[in-house]
C-alpha cells in the first residue's frame, strides 16, 4: 500500500498513513450502490478524486470504471454507482484515486444491503444488472457483478423421493408466457456436452416449476464426479452439442436491446439477493442412489458464479 504524500487529503483522525481507507456501501431497491468514504478535503476547489473499479484478470486495464467522488458532509466523500450502469460480468476490485496519486485499495466498512434481499426487478428488456459488494479473503473491498439477458432466477428447491423440484422466475423477455410455452429444463453433462436430459416446465406467467429425477442423471455415471449444469431452454431452441459454461447469455447481454434477439436458453442461477457466494450458504442434502456401477451421491449446488448445477459422485 502506498504512503500518502503531503498533497493527499487524509482524515485528521487517521493515526497512520498506512491505515486502510474504508468505504461504507448502501444498496437501493433498484440495485444501485452508494459508497461513503472518510476522507477529508483540504481544498475542495482543487478536489480531483474518484472511486476506481477494475475488472479482475484484465491485465491491460481496459475494463476500468471511474466514479467521481464528491463531498458528502464533514470529512466524508461519496461515489454513486447507479443501477443504470451495467458492469460487465465478473469481479471488480475497488480503489480510491486522489489527484495524481497512485490508486489505493479500499477496505470494506459498513454494508447495508437490505434492499437487495428478495429483489424483484420490474419489467424491462434491458439486460439484468446485479452488483454485490463483498470482502475478499485479504480483507479488501470488491464487487461481484452479473449481466444476464434473459435471466432465470432460481427460487425454492426441494429434494424428496429421489427428485429435485425447483421453482424459478424468468426476467427480461418481452412475452414470458410465450417464451415459457413448451419450455424445458435441460441438464447438460459438463464433461460431455452432447449428453443432456430434459424435463418439461409448468409455467404461470413468468414463474416456472420443474421436477428432475436423479436416477436419470445417475444412469450416466461411470466413476469419478459428474456435474450437470441446469438451463432453461425455449421450446424452439435447437439442442446443439456445444460446450456451454454458463456465459452464453453474457455476449448477448452486451448488445443493444434493439439488436439482440431473445436468447433461446439461459442458465438457471440465483443472483437476486445480498449473498455474493451461494455455495457455502445454500446447502442441500445429498441423496444416495444405487446404479449398475455402484452407489452414488447426488447433490444440487450453486457454482462459484451462483449458477445451479447437480453433482453426481461415488458414495
C-alpha atoms as a PDB file:
ATOM      1  CA  UNK A   1       0.000   0.000   0.000  1.00  0.00           C
ATOM      2  CA  UNK A   2       1.394   3.387  -0.937  1.00  0.00           C
ATOM      3  CA  UNK A   3       2.087   6.082   1.630  1.00  0.00           C
ATOM      4  CA  UNK A   4       0.142   9.307   1.044  1.00  0.00           C
ATOM      5  CA  UNK A   5       2.181  12.310   0.050  1.00  0.00           C
ATOM      6  CA  UNK A   6       1.753  15.748   1.571  1.00  0.00           C
ATOM      7  CA  UNK A   7      -0.788  16.572  -1.130  1.00  0.00           C
ATOM      8  CA  UNK A   8      -3.062  13.601  -0.369  1.00  0.00           C
ATOM      9  CA  UNK A   9      -6.073  14.620   1.729  1.00  0.00           C
ATOM     10  CA  UNK A  10      -6.372  12.393   4.793  1.00  0.00           C
ATOM     11  CA  UNK A  11      -8.732  12.355   7.767  1.00  0.00           C
ATOM     12  CA  UNK A  12      -7.194  14.172  10.714  1.00  0.00           C
ATOM     13  CA  UNK A  13      -8.111  11.270  12.958  1.00  0.00           C
ATOM     14  CA  UNK A  14      -6.214   8.760  10.814  1.00  0.00           C
ATOM     15  CA  UNK A  15      -3.346   7.709  13.110  1.00  0.00           C
ATOM     16  CA  UNK A  16      -1.081   6.233  10.438  1.00  0.00           C
ATOM     17  CA  UNK A  17      -0.687   6.807   6.715  1.00  0.00           C
ATOM     18  CA  UNK A  18      -0.773   3.043   6.192  1.00  0.00           C
ATOM     19  CA  UNK A  19      -4.195   2.625   7.842  1.00  0.00           C
ATOM     20  CA  UNK A  20      -6.672   1.412   5.188  1.00  0.00           C
ATOM     21  CA  UNK A  21      -9.373   3.689   3.900  1.00  0.00           C
ATOM     22  CA  UNK A  22     -12.808   2.143   4.336  1.00  0.00           C
ATOM     23  CA  UNK A  23     -15.925   2.545   2.235  1.00  0.00           C
ATOM     24  CA  UNK A  24     -19.443   2.131   3.581  1.00  0.00           C
ATOM     25  CA  UNK A  25     -21.795   0.632   0.969  1.00  0.00           C
ATOM     26  CA  UNK A  26     -25.543   1.152   0.717  1.00  0.00           C
ATOM     27  CA  UNK A  27     -27.735  -0.562  -1.890  1.00  0.00           C
ATOM     28  CA  UNK A  28     -31.000   0.868  -3.200  1.00  0.00           C
ATOM     29  CA  UNK A  29     -34.069  -1.079  -4.315  1.00  0.00           C
ATOM     30  CA  UNK A  30     -33.165  -0.677  -7.992  1.00  0.00           C
ATOM     31  CA  UNK A  31     -29.765  -2.316  -7.458  1.00  0.00           C
ATOM     32  CA  UNK A  32     -27.622   0.839  -7.380  1.00  0.00           C
ATOM     33  CA  UNK A  33     -24.808   1.317  -4.852  1.00  0.00           C
ATOM     34  CA  UNK A  34     -23.610   4.344  -2.884  1.00  0.00           C
ATOM     35  CA  UNK A  35     -20.120   4.425  -1.356  1.00  0.00           C
ATOM     36  CA  UNK A  36     -19.157   6.760   1.503  1.00  0.00           C
ATOM     37  CA  UNK A  37     -15.504   7.190   2.491  1.00  0.00           C
ATOM     38  CA  UNK A  38     -13.937   9.024   5.448  1.00  0.00           C
ATOM     39  CA  UNK A  39     -11.636  11.349   3.537  1.00  0.00           C
ATOM     40  CA  UNK A  40     -11.193  14.994   4.497  1.00  0.00           C
ATOM     41  CA  UNK A  41     -10.968  17.688   1.823  1.00  0.00           C
ATOM     42  CA  UNK A  42      -8.161  20.173   2.395  1.00  0.00           C
ATOM     43  CA  UNK A  43      -9.077  22.328  -0.574  1.00  0.00           C
ATOM     44  CA  UNK A  44     -12.395  21.373  -2.178  1.00  0.00           C
ATOM     45  CA  UNK A  45     -11.751  23.855  -5.006  1.00  0.00           C
ATOM     46  CA  UNK A  46      -8.810  21.730  -6.161  1.00  0.00           C
ATOM     47  CA  UNK A  47     -10.504  18.420  -5.449  1.00  0.00           C
ATOM     48  CA  UNK A  48      -9.917  15.714  -8.042  1.00  0.00           C
ATOM     49  CA  UNK A  49     -10.734  12.234  -6.819  1.00  0.00           C
ATOM     50  CA  UNK A  50     -12.585   9.141  -7.983  1.00  0.00           C
ATOM     51  CA  UNK A  51     -13.659   5.705  -6.916  1.00  0.00           C
ATOM     52  CA  UNK A  52     -11.977   3.318  -9.349  1.00  0.00           C
ATOM     53  CA  UNK A  53     -13.388  -0.103 -10.254  1.00  0.00           C
ATOM     54  CA  UNK A  54     -11.035  -2.522 -12.004  1.00  0.00           C
ATOM     55  CA  UNK A  55     -12.153  -5.809 -13.513  1.00  0.00           C
ATOM     56  CA  UNK A  56     -10.051  -8.564 -12.010  1.00  0.00           C
ATOM     57  CA  UNK A  57      -7.985 -10.513 -14.525  1.00  0.00           C
ATOM     58  CA  UNK A  58      -7.901  -7.654 -17.012  1.00  0.00           C
ATOM     59  CA  UNK A  59      -4.134  -7.226 -17.352  1.00  0.00           C
ATOM     60  CA  UNK A  60      -4.400  -4.390 -19.872  1.00  0.00           C
ATOM     61  CA  UNK A  61      -6.714  -2.325 -17.684  1.00  0.00           C
ATOM     62  CA  UNK A  62      -9.217  -1.810 -20.493  1.00  0.00           C
ATOM     63  CA  UNK A  63     -12.146  -2.509 -18.182  1.00  0.00           C
ATOM     64  CA  UNK A  64     -11.920   0.298 -15.641  1.00  0.00           C
ATOM     65  CA  UNK A  65     -14.781   2.411 -14.342  1.00  0.00           C
ATOM     66  CA  UNK A  66     -14.185   5.737 -12.579  1.00  0.00           C
ATOM     67  CA  UNK A  67     -16.913   7.221 -10.400  1.00  0.00           C
ATOM     68  CA  UNK A  68     -16.388  10.835  -9.271  1.00  0.00           C
ATOM     69  CA  UNK A  69     -16.119  11.474  -5.528  1.00  0.00           C
ATOM     70  CA  UNK A  70     -17.954  14.500  -4.161  1.00  0.00           C
ATOM     71  CA  UNK A  71     -18.288  15.995  -0.668  1.00  0.00           C
ATOM     72  CA  UNK A  72     -20.966  14.323   1.473  1.00  0.00           C
ATOM     73  CA  UNK A  73     -20.758  16.162   4.758  1.00  0.00           C
ATOM     74  CA  UNK A  74     -17.813  16.910   7.008  1.00  0.00           C
ATOM     75  CA  UNK A  75     -14.823  14.656   6.364  1.00  0.00           C
ATOM     76  CA  UNK A  76     -16.839  12.398   4.040  1.00  0.00           C
ATOM     77  CA  UNK A  77     -16.884  11.871   0.281  1.00  0.00           C
ATOM     78  CA  UNK A  78     -19.345   9.905  -1.806  1.00  0.00           C
ATOM     79  CA  UNK A  79     -19.478   7.989  -5.085  1.00  0.00           C
ATOM     80  CA  UNK A  80     -22.579   6.537  -6.711  1.00  0.00           C
ATOM     81  CA  UNK A  81     -22.846   3.513  -8.996  1.00  0.00           C
ATOM     82  CA  UNK A  82     -26.357   3.847 -10.480  1.00  0.00           C
ATOM     83  CA  UNK A  83     -28.371   0.796 -11.394  1.00  0.00           C
ATOM     84  CA  UNK A  84     -28.349   2.092 -14.971  1.00  0.00           C
ATOM     85  CA  UNK A  85     -24.579   1.496 -15.202  1.00  0.00           C
ATOM     86  CA  UNK A  86     -24.253  -2.184 -16.116  1.00  0.00           C
ATOM     87  CA  UNK A  87     -20.820  -3.564 -15.273  1.00  0.00           C
ATOM     88  CA  UNK A  88     -19.604  -6.466 -17.408  1.00  0.00           C
ATOM     89  CA  UNK A  89     -19.889  -9.746 -15.547  1.00  0.00           C
ATOM     90  CA  UNK A  90     -17.019 -10.531 -13.203  1.00  0.00           C
ATOM     91  CA  UNK A  91     -15.240  -9.424 -10.023  1.00  0.00           C
ATOM     92  CA  UNK A  92     -14.227  -5.779  -9.641  1.00  0.00           C
ATOM     93  CA  UNK A  93     -11.598  -4.534  -7.195  1.00  0.00           C
ATOM     94  CA  UNK A  94     -12.318  -1.142  -5.630  1.00  0.00           C
ATOM     95  CA  UNK A  95      -9.756   1.675  -5.276  1.00  0.00           C
ATOM     96  CA  UNK A  96      -9.736   5.362  -4.392  1.00  0.00           C
ATOM     97  CA  UNK A  97      -7.656   7.713  -6.551  1.00  0.00           C
ATOM     98  CA  UNK A  98      -6.807  11.254  -5.430  1.00  0.00           C
ATOM     99  CA  UNK A  99      -5.170  13.615  -7.918  1.00  0.00           C
ATOM    100  CA  UNK A 100      -2.035  12.120  -9.407  1.00  0.00           C
ATOM    101  CA  UNK A 101      -1.554   9.701  -6.535  1.00  0.00           C
ATOM    102  CA  UNK A 102      -1.447   6.003  -7.236  1.00  0.00           C
ATOM    103  CA  UNK A 103      -4.907   4.473  -6.565  1.00  0.00           C
ATOM    104  CA  UNK A 104      -5.212   2.899  -3.128  1.00  0.00           C
ATOM    105  CA  UNK A 105      -7.125  -0.298  -2.410  1.00  0.00           C
ATOM    106  CA  UNK A 106     -10.208   0.225  -0.260  1.00  0.00           C
ATOM    107  CA  UNK A 107     -11.271  -1.891   2.689  1.00  0.00           C
ATOM    108  CA  UNK A 108     -14.956  -2.549   3.432  1.00  0.00           C
ATOM    109  CA  UNK A 109     -16.778  -0.525   6.042  1.00  0.00           C
ATOM    110  CA  UNK A 110     -20.438  -0.992   6.914  1.00  0.00           C
ATOM    111  CA  UNK A 111     -22.616  -2.632   4.277  1.00  0.00           C
ATOM    112  CA  UNK A 112     -26.368  -2.020   4.145  1.00  0.00           C
ATOM    113  CA  UNK A 113     -27.646  -4.411   1.503  1.00  0.00           C
ATOM    114  CA  UNK A 114     -31.157  -4.935   2.845  1.00  0.00           C
ATOM    115  CA  UNK A 115     -32.688  -3.576  -0.350  1.00  0.00           C
ATOM    116  CA  UNK A 116     -31.145  -6.441  -2.331  1.00  0.00           C
ATOM    117  CA  UNK A 117     -32.899  -9.159  -0.311  1.00  0.00           C
ATOM    118  CA  UNK A 118     -35.646 -10.824  -2.374  1.00  0.00           C
ATOM    119  CA  UNK A 119     -35.236  -8.196  -5.071  1.00  0.00           C
ATOM    120  CA  UNK A 120     -37.938  -8.285  -7.762  1.00  0.00           C
ATOM    121  CA  UNK A 121     -36.827  -6.242 -10.786  1.00  0.00           C
ATOM    122  CA  UNK A 122     -39.533  -4.506 -12.755  1.00  0.00           C
ATOM    123  CA  UNK A 123     -40.423  -5.242 -16.388  1.00  0.00           C
ATOM    124  CA  UNK A 124     -37.738  -4.278 -18.868  1.00  0.00           C
ATOM    125  CA  UNK A 125     -35.962  -5.648 -21.928  1.00  0.00           C
ATOM    126  CA  UNK A 126     -32.575  -4.292 -20.849  1.00  0.00           C
ATOM    127  CA  UNK A 127     -30.014  -6.788 -19.531  1.00  0.00           C
ATOM    128  CA  UNK A 128     -30.493  -7.536 -15.844  1.00  0.00           C
ATOM    129  CA  UNK A 129     -27.540  -5.996 -13.990  1.00  0.00           C
ATOM    130  CA  UNK A 130     -26.673  -7.135 -10.454  1.00  0.00           C
ATOM    131  CA  UNK A 131     -23.794  -5.864  -8.329  1.00  0.00           C
ATOM    132  CA  UNK A 132     -22.994  -7.008  -4.772  1.00  0.00           C
ATOM    133  CA  UNK A 133     -20.111  -5.653  -2.628  1.00  0.00           C
ATOM    134  CA  UNK A 134     -18.157  -8.168  -0.561  1.00  0.00           C
ATOM    135  CA  UNK A 135     -14.969  -8.641   1.452  1.00  0.00           C
ATOM    136  CA  UNK A 136     -12.137 -10.578  -0.199  1.00  0.00           C
ATOM    137  CA  UNK A 137     -10.044 -13.141   1.644  1.00  0.00           C
ATOM    138  CA  UNK A 138      -7.377 -10.439   2.009  1.00  0.00           C
ATOM    139  CA  UNK A 139      -9.819  -8.040   3.661  1.00  0.00           C
ATOM    140  CA  UNK A 140     -10.302  -5.741   0.659  1.00  0.00           C
ATOM    141  CA  UNK A 141     -13.500  -4.391  -0.880  1.00  0.00           C
ATOM    142  CA  UNK A 142     -14.604  -5.876  -4.190  1.00  0.00           C
ATOM    143  CA  UNK A 143     -17.794  -6.112  -6.239  1.00  0.00           C
ATOM    144  CA  UNK A 144     -19.305  -9.150  -7.916  1.00  0.00           C
ATOM    145  CA  UNK A 145     -21.359  -8.267 -10.969  1.00  0.00           C
ATOM    146  CA  UNK A 146     -23.708 -10.233 -13.204  1.00  0.00           C
ATOM    147  CA  UNK A 147     -25.224  -9.196 -16.524  1.00  0.00           C
ATOM    148  CA  UNK A 148     -27.899 -11.551 -17.806  1.00  0.00           C
ATOM    149  CA  UNK A 149     -30.464 -11.283 -20.600  1.00  0.00           C
ATOM    150  CA  UNK A 150     -32.758 -13.115 -20.244  1.00  0.00           C
ATOM    151  CA  UNK A 151     -32.332 -14.295 -16.658  1.00  0.00           C
ATOM    152  CA  UNK A 152     -33.865 -17.362 -14.977  1.00  0.00           C
ATOM    153  CA  UNK A 153     -33.811 -16.751 -11.218  1.00  0.00           C
ATOM    154  CA  UNK A 154     -33.819 -19.911  -9.114  1.00  0.00           C
ATOM    155  CA  UNK A 155     -36.198 -19.889  -6.174  1.00  0.00           C
ATOM    156  CA  UNK A 156     -37.138 -22.600  -3.733  1.00  0.00           C
ATOM    157  CA  UNK A 157     -35.510 -26.016  -4.240  1.00  0.00           C
ATOM    158  CA  UNK A 158     -36.721 -29.223  -2.626  1.00  0.00           C
ATOM    159  CA  UNK A 159     -35.225 -32.711  -2.598  1.00  0.00           C
ATOM    160  CA  UNK A 160     -37.618 -35.597  -1.935  1.00  0.00           C
ATOM    161  CA  UNK A 161     -38.222 -39.118  -3.253  1.00  0.00           C
ATOM    162  CA  UNK A 162     -35.175 -39.024  -5.498  1.00  0.00           C
ATOM    163  CA  UNK A 163     -36.324 -35.874  -7.259  1.00  0.00           C
ATOM    164  CA  UNK A 164     -35.173 -32.252  -7.336  1.00  0.00           C
ATOM    165  CA  UNK A 165     -38.195 -29.958  -7.528  1.00  0.00           C
ATOM    166  CA  UNK A 166     -37.493 -26.330  -8.293  1.00  0.00           C
ATOM    167  CA  UNK A 167     -39.277 -23.052  -8.829  1.00  0.00           C
ATOM    168  CA  UNK A 168     -37.966 -20.051 -10.738  1.00  0.00           C
ATOM    169  CA  UNK A 169     -38.873 -16.823 -12.478  1.00  0.00           C
ATOM    170  CA  UNK A 170     -37.966 -15.583 -15.943  1.00  0.00           C
ATOM    171  CA  UNK A 171     -36.852 -11.965 -16.383  1.00  0.00           C
ATOM    172  CA  UNK A 172     -36.010  -9.656 -19.279  1.00  0.00           C
ATOM    173  CA  UNK A 173     -38.161 -11.125 -22.034  1.00  0.00           C
ATOM    174  CA  UNK A 174     -40.986  -9.268 -23.766  1.00  0.00           C
ATOM    175  CA  UNK A 175     -43.524 -12.092 -23.592  1.00  0.00           C
ATOM    176  CA  UNK A 176     -42.623 -14.520 -20.793  1.00  0.00           C
ATOM    177  CA  UNK A 177     -45.786 -16.596 -21.265  1.00  0.00           C
ATOM    178  CA  UNK A 178     -44.910 -17.273 -24.910  1.00  0.00           C
ATOM    179  CA  UNK A 179     -41.233 -17.854 -24.078  1.00  0.00           C
ATOM    180  CA  UNK A 180     -42.114 -20.451 -21.426  1.00  0.00           C
ATOM    181  CA  UNK A 181     -44.749 -22.228 -23.539  1.00  0.00           C
ATOM    182  CA  UNK A 182     -43.309 -25.680 -24.144  1.00  0.00           C
ATOM    183  CA  UNK A 183     -40.026 -24.766 -22.425  1.00  0.00           C
ATOM    184  CA  UNK A 184     -37.839 -27.349 -20.705  1.00  0.00           C
ATOM    185  CA  UNK A 185     -35.176 -27.507 -18.048  1.00  0.00           C
ATOM    186  CA  UNK A 186     -32.140 -29.076 -19.656  1.00  0.00           C
ATOM    187  CA  UNK A 187     -29.452 -30.779 -17.558  1.00  0.00           C
ATOM    188  CA  UNK A 188     -26.229 -30.924 -19.590  1.00  0.00           C
ATOM    189  CA  UNK A 189     -23.286 -33.120 -18.603  1.00  0.00           C
ATOM    190  CA  UNK A 190     -20.277 -30.860 -18.267  1.00  0.00           C
ATOM    191  CA  UNK A 191     -17.650 -33.457 -19.241  1.00  0.00           C
ATOM    192  CA  UNK A 192     -19.603 -34.397 -22.382  1.00  0.00           C
ATOM    193  CA  UNK A 193     -21.980 -31.633 -23.547  1.00  0.00           C
ATOM    194  CA  UNK A 194     -23.500 -33.985 -26.118  1.00  0.00           C
ATOM    195  CA  UNK A 195     -25.244 -35.730 -23.207  1.00  0.00           C
ATOM    196  CA  UNK A 196     -28.324 -33.915 -21.925  1.00  0.00           C
ATOM    197  CA  UNK A 197     -31.572 -34.728 -20.177  1.00  0.00           C
ATOM    198  CA  UNK A 198     -34.710 -32.604 -20.434  1.00  0.00           C
ATOM    199  CA  UNK A 199     -37.810 -32.242 -18.280  1.00  0.00           C
ATOM    200  CA  UNK A 200     -40.824 -30.036 -19.053  1.00  0.00           C
ATOM    201  CA  UNK A 201     -41.668 -26.946 -17.034  1.00  0.00           C
ATOM    202  CA  UNK A 202     -45.047 -25.866 -15.744  1.00  0.00           C
ATOM    203  CA  UNK A 203     -45.449 -22.123 -16.266  1.00  0.00           C
ATOM    204  CA  UNK A 204     -47.606 -19.489 -14.614  1.00  0.00           C
ATOM    205  CA  UNK A 205     -46.964 -16.122 -16.276  1.00  0.00           C
ATOM    206  CA  UNK A 206     -43.217 -15.568 -15.690  1.00  0.00           C
ATOM    207  CA  UNK A 207     -42.915 -18.250 -12.981  1.00  0.00           C
ATOM    208  CA  UNK A 208     -41.955 -21.822 -13.770  1.00  0.00           C
ATOM    209  CA  UNK A 209     -41.691 -25.158 -11.930  1.00  0.00           C
ATOM    210  CA  UNK A 210     -39.777 -28.325 -12.795  1.00  0.00           C
ATOM    211  CA  UNK A 211     -39.034 -31.776 -11.383  1.00  0.00           C
ATOM    212  CA  UNK A 212     -35.790 -33.580 -12.204  1.00  0.00           C
ATOM    213  CA  UNK A 213     -35.388 -37.259 -11.308  1.00  0.00           C
ATOM    214  CA  UNK A 214     -31.896 -38.014 -10.000  1.00  0.00           C
ATOM    215  CA  UNK A 215     -31.968 -41.541 -11.453  1.00  0.00           C
ATOM    216  CA  UNK A 216     -31.907 -40.120 -14.989  1.00  0.00           C
ATOM    217  CA  UNK A 217     -28.634 -38.354 -14.238  1.00  0.00           C
ATOM    218  CA  UNK A 218     -27.079 -41.138 -12.192  1.00  0.00           C
ATOM    219  CA  UNK A 219     -27.612 -43.579 -15.056  1.00  0.00           C
ATOM    220  CA  UNK A 220     -24.770 -41.869 -16.955  1.00  0.00           C
ATOM    221  CA  UNK A 221     -22.274 -42.088 -14.076  1.00  0.00           C
ATOM    222  CA  UNK A 222     -19.132 -44.054 -14.893  1.00  0.00           C
ATOM    223  CA  UNK A 223     -16.951 -43.281 -11.894  1.00  0.00           C
ATOM    224  CA  UNK A 224     -15.411 -40.074 -10.577  1.00  0.00           C
ATOM    225  CA  UNK A 225     -17.520 -36.939 -10.409  1.00  0.00           C
ATOM    226  CA  UNK A 226     -20.113 -35.741 -12.879  1.00  0.00           C
ATOM    227  CA  UNK A 227     -21.526 -32.215 -12.916  1.00  0.00           C
ATOM    228  CA  UNK A 228     -24.807 -31.427 -14.655  1.00  0.00           C
ATOM    229  CA  UNK A 229     -25.460 -27.761 -15.444  1.00  0.00           C
ATOM    230  CA  UNK A 230     -29.121 -26.699 -15.466  1.00  0.00           C
ATOM    231  CA  UNK A 231     -30.518 -24.499 -18.232  1.00  0.00           C
ATOM    232  CA  UNK A 232     -33.960 -23.133 -19.024  1.00  0.00           C
ATOM    233  CA  UNK A 233     -34.495 -23.664 -22.750  1.00  0.00           C
ATOM    234  CA  UNK A 234     -37.208 -22.342 -25.035  1.00  0.00           C
ATOM    235  CA  UNK A 235     -39.276 -24.873 -26.990  1.00  0.00           C
ATOM    236  CA  UNK A 236     -37.871 -23.792 -30.372  1.00  0.00           C
ATOM    237  CA  UNK A 237     -34.241 -23.871 -29.210  1.00  0.00           C
ATOM    238  CA  UNK A 238     -32.191 -26.436 -31.142  1.00  0.00           C
ATOM    239  CA  UNK A 239     -30.147 -28.664 -28.820  1.00  0.00           C
ATOM    240  CA  UNK A 240     -26.752 -28.251 -30.429  1.00  0.00           C
ATOM    241  CA  UNK A 241     -23.882 -30.276 -29.000  1.00  0.00           C
ATOM    242  CA  UNK A 242     -21.664 -27.425 -27.959  1.00  0.00           C
ATOM    243  CA  UNK A 243     -19.738 -26.753 -24.818  1.00  0.00           C
ATOM    244  CA  UNK A 244     -21.648 -24.365 -22.573  1.00  0.00           C
ATOM    245  CA  UNK A 245     -20.066 -22.875 -19.481  1.00  0.00           C
ATOM    246  CA  UNK A 246     -22.828 -20.508 -18.391  1.00  0.00           C
ATOM    247  CA  UNK A 247     -21.584 -17.442 -20.248  1.00  0.00           C
ATOM    248  CA  UNK A 248     -23.653 -17.893 -23.433  1.00  0.00           C
ATOM    249  CA  UNK A 249     -26.070 -15.137 -22.421  1.00  0.00           C
ATOM    250  CA  UNK A 250     -23.333 -12.679 -21.462  1.00  0.00           C
ATOM    251  CA  UNK A 251     -22.316 -11.818 -25.034  1.00  0.00           C
ATOM    252  CA  UNK A 252     -25.945 -11.263 -25.967  1.00  0.00           C
ATOM    253  CA  UNK A 253     -26.436  -9.038 -22.933  1.00  0.00           C
ATOM    254  CA  UNK A 254     -23.693  -6.673 -24.089  1.00  0.00           C
ATOM    255  CA  UNK A 255     -25.503  -5.956 -27.369  1.00  0.00           C
ATOM    256  CA  UNK A 256     -28.021  -3.160 -27.640  1.00  0.00           C
ATOM    257  CA  UNK A 257     -31.537  -4.408 -26.776  1.00  0.00           C
ATOM    258  CA  UNK A 258     -32.880  -3.398 -30.204  1.00  0.00           C
ATOM    259  CA  UNK A 259     -30.222  -5.501 -31.923  1.00  0.00           C
ATOM    260  CA  UNK A 260     -30.411  -8.512 -29.615  1.00  0.00           C
ATOM    261  CA  UNK A 261     -32.846 -11.359 -30.255  1.00  0.00           C
ATOM    262  CA  UNK A 262     -34.112 -13.086 -27.106  1.00  0.00           C
ATOM    263  CA  UNK A 263     -31.743 -15.863 -26.057  1.00  0.00           C
ATOM    264  CA  UNK A 264     -33.238 -19.290 -26.647  1.00  0.00           C
ATOM    265  CA  UNK A 265     -31.726 -20.714 -23.464  1.00  0.00           C
ATOM    266  CA  UNK A 266     -30.431 -19.294 -20.236  1.00  0.00           C
ATOM    267  CA  UNK A 267     -28.523 -20.645 -17.283  1.00  0.00           C
ATOM    268  CA  UNK A 268     -30.617 -21.051 -14.129  1.00  0.00           C
ATOM    269  CA  UNK A 269     -28.961 -19.016 -11.377  1.00  0.00           C
ATOM    270  CA  UNK A 270     -29.656 -17.256  -8.090  1.00  0.00           C
ATOM    271  CA  UNK A 271     -28.353 -13.687  -8.024  1.00  0.00           C
ATOM    272  CA  UNK A 272     -31.244 -11.520  -6.785  1.00  0.00           C
ATOM    273  CA  UNK A 273     -30.285 -11.183  -3.127  1.00  0.00           C
ATOM    274  CA  UNK A 274     -27.384  -9.977  -0.967  1.00  0.00           C
ATOM    275  CA  UNK A 275     -25.400 -13.253  -0.850  1.00  0.00           C
ATOM    276  CA  UNK A 276     -22.394 -12.975  -3.151  1.00  0.00           C
ATOM    277  CA  UNK A 277     -21.328 -16.639  -2.856  1.00  0.00           C
ATOM    278  CA  UNK A 278     -24.219 -19.078  -2.561  1.00  0.00           C
ATOM    279  CA  UNK A 279     -22.175 -22.281  -2.493  1.00  0.00           C
ATOM    280  CA  UNK A 280     -21.306 -22.320   1.253  1.00  0.00           C
ATOM    281  CA  UNK A 281     -24.605 -20.715   2.307  1.00  0.00           C
ATOM    282  CA  UNK A 282     -27.262 -22.660   0.410  1.00  0.00           C
ATOM    283  CA  UNK A 283     -26.517 -26.289   1.271  1.00  0.00           C
ATOM    284  CA  UNK A 284     -28.846 -29.040   0.092  1.00  0.00           C
ATOM    285  CA  UNK A 285     -28.988 -32.662   1.269  1.00  0.00           C
ATOM    286  CA  UNK A 286     -27.187 -35.357  -0.696  1.00  0.00           C
ATOM    287  CA  UNK A 287     -29.192 -38.388  -1.762  1.00  0.00           C
ATOM    288  CA  UNK A 288     -27.693 -41.861  -2.215  1.00  0.00           C
ATOM    289  CA  UNK A 289     -28.746 -43.928  -5.229  1.00  0.00           C
ATOM    290  CA  UNK A 290     -27.748 -47.382  -6.427  1.00  0.00           C
ATOM    291  CA  UNK A 291     -26.578 -47.723 -10.031  1.00  0.00           C
ATOM    292  CA  UNK A 292     -25.142 -50.549 -12.147  1.00  0.00           C
ATOM    293  CA  UNK A 293     -21.665 -49.198 -11.367  1.00  0.00           C
ATOM    294  CA  UNK A 294     -22.116 -48.658  -7.659  1.00  0.00           C
ATOM    295  CA  UNK A 295     -23.691 -46.273  -5.202  1.00  0.00           C
ATOM    296  CA  UNK A 296     -23.618 -42.557  -5.925  1.00  0.00           C
ATOM    297  CA  UNK A 297     -24.417 -39.388  -4.007  1.00  0.00           C
ATOM    298  CA  UNK A 298     -26.416 -36.732  -5.840  1.00  0.00           C
ATOM    299  CA  UNK A 299     -26.397 -33.125  -4.615  1.00  0.00           C
ATOM    300  CA  UNK A 300     -27.726 -29.870  -6.073  1.00  0.00           C
ATOM    301  CA  UNK A 301     -25.469 -26.861  -5.501  1.00  0.00           C
ATOM    302  CA  UNK A 302     -24.630 -23.364  -6.689  1.00  0.00           C
ATOM    303  CA  UNK A 303     -21.367 -22.864  -8.561  1.00  0.00           C
ATOM    304  CA  UNK A 304     -18.831 -20.081  -7.960  1.00  0.00           C
ATOM    305  CA  UNK A 305     -20.921 -17.970 -10.374  1.00  0.00           C
ATOM    306  CA  UNK A 306     -24.151 -18.788  -8.458  1.00  0.00           C
ATOM    307  CA  UNK A 307     -25.408 -20.943 -11.338  1.00  0.00           C
ATOM    308  CA  UNK A 308     -27.427 -24.047 -10.444  1.00  0.00           C
ATOM    309  CA  UNK A 309     -25.861 -27.466 -11.027  1.00  0.00           C
ATOM    310  CA  UNK A 310     -26.196 -31.049  -9.799  1.00  0.00           C
ATOM    311  CA  UNK A 311     -23.190 -33.116  -8.712  1.00  0.00           C
ATOM    312  CA  UNK A 312     -23.098 -36.947  -9.032  1.00  0.00           C
ATOM    313  CA  UNK A 313     -20.178 -38.763  -7.373  1.00  0.00           C
ATOM    314  CA  UNK A 314     -19.282 -42.090  -5.825  1.00  0.00           C
ATOM    315  CA  UNK A 315     -20.560 -42.604  -2.306  1.00  0.00           C
END
